[in-house]
């Protein structure tokens, strides 16, 4: 297993941190409980994925405008 960088440099490291954040969050008991509700499941997973992606990019010192562009979201959402 490769190390997960907390200050990623480059796309590969950003994706590793993003994946670790997402998996770590998805398996928290309170998140698993929320995911049991099928009406909100997609919203939860999408929101968590965007949050993990944004945080990983922020840790890579990307500006919010670039993060928003890469993720296809508004700067306000990020």
Protein backbone atom coordinates (compact mmCIF):
# COMPACT_ATOMS: atom_id res chain seq x y z
CA UNK A 1 0.00 0.00 0.00
CA UNK A 2 1.37 3.42 -0.91
CA UNK A 3 1.52 6.34 1.47
CA UNK A 4 -1.13 9.02 1.31
CA UNK A 5 0.43 12.48 1.13
CA UNK A 6 -1.13 15.18 3.31
CA UNK A 7 0.33 17.90 1.08
CA UNK A 8 -0.04 16.35 -2.36
CA UNK A 9 2.03 17.39 -5.34
CA UNK A 10 0.67 16.38 -8.71
CA UNK A 11 -2.51 14.69 -9.87
CA UNK A 12 -1.60 11.18 -8.71
CA UNK A 13 -1.00 12.30 -5.13
CA UNK A 14 -4.14 14.46 -5.18
CA UNK A 15 -6.19 11.45 -6.28
CA UNK A 16 -4.65 9.25 -3.57
CA UNK A 17 -5.53 11.79 -0.88
CA UNK A 18 -9.00 12.29 -2.36
CA UNK A 19 -9.65 8.54 -2.33
CA UNK A 20 -8.40 8.13 1.23
CA UNK A 21 -10.59 11.00 2.43
CA UNK A 22 -13.65 9.60 0.68
CA UNK A 23 -13.18 6.01 1.86
CA UNK A 24 -12.37 7.11 5.40
CA UNK A 25 -15.51 9.21 5.53
CA UNK A 26 -17.82 6.64 3.93
CA UNK A 27 -17.02 4.06 6.61
CA UNK A 28 -17.72 6.30 9.59
CA UNK A 29 -20.68 4.88 11.55
CA UNK A 30 -22.74 8.07 11.34
CA UNK A 31 -22.23 8.29 7.57
CA UNK A 32 -23.13 4.63 7.07
CA UNK A 33 -26.33 5.30 9.02
CA UNK A 34 -27.23 8.23 6.75
CA UNK A 35 -26.51 6.13 3.66
CA UNK A 36 -29.16 3.60 4.71
CA UNK A 37 -31.84 6.04 3.51
CA UNK A 38 -32.12 5.39 -0.24
CA UNK A 39 -33.77 8.77 -0.91
CA UNK A 40 -30.71 10.69 0.28
CA UNK A 41 -27.95 8.22 -0.61
CA UNK A 42 -26.99 9.75 -3.96
CA UNK A 43 -26.92 13.26 -2.50
CA UNK A 44 -24.71 12.13 0.38
CA UNK A 45 -22.24 10.26 -1.82
CA UNK A 46 -22.05 13.12 -4.33
CA UNK A 47 -21.52 15.71 -1.58
CA UNK A 48 -18.85 13.62 0.12
CA UNK A 49 -17.04 13.02 -3.18
CA UNK A 50 -17.01 16.73 -4.01
CA UNK A 51 -15.84 17.61 -0.49
CA UNK A 52 -13.02 15.05 -0.61
CA UNK A 53 -11.94 16.23 -4.06
CA UNK A 54 -12.02 19.89 -3.02
CA UNK A 55 -10.11 19.28 0.21
CA UNK A 56 -7.42 17.24 -1.53
CA UNK A 57 -6.94 20.01 -4.09
CA UNK A 58 -6.92 22.70 -1.41
CA UNK A 59 -4.16 20.78 0.39
CA UNK A 60 -2.26 20.87 -2.92
CA UNK A 61 -2.49 24.68 -2.73
CA UNK A 62 -4.86 25.02 -5.70
CA UNK A 63 -6.89 28.24 -5.85
CA UNK A 64 -10.64 27.88 -5.37
CA UNK A 65 -11.31 29.00 -8.94
CA UNK A 66 -9.23 26.12 -10.34
CA UNK A 67 -10.78 23.61 -7.92
CA UNK A 68 -14.25 24.71 -9.03
CA UNK A 69 -13.27 24.41 -12.68
CA UNK A 70 -11.77 20.92 -12.24
CA UNK A 71 -14.79 19.66 -10.31
CA UNK A 72 -17.41 21.33 -12.49
CA UNK A 73 -18.90 23.21 -9.54
CA UNK A 74 -19.30 26.87 -8.70
CA UNK A 75 -16.77 28.63 -6.51
CA UNK A 76 -19.57 29.21 -3.99
CA UNK A 77 -20.16 25.45 -3.79
CA UNK A 78 -16.47 24.83 -3.20
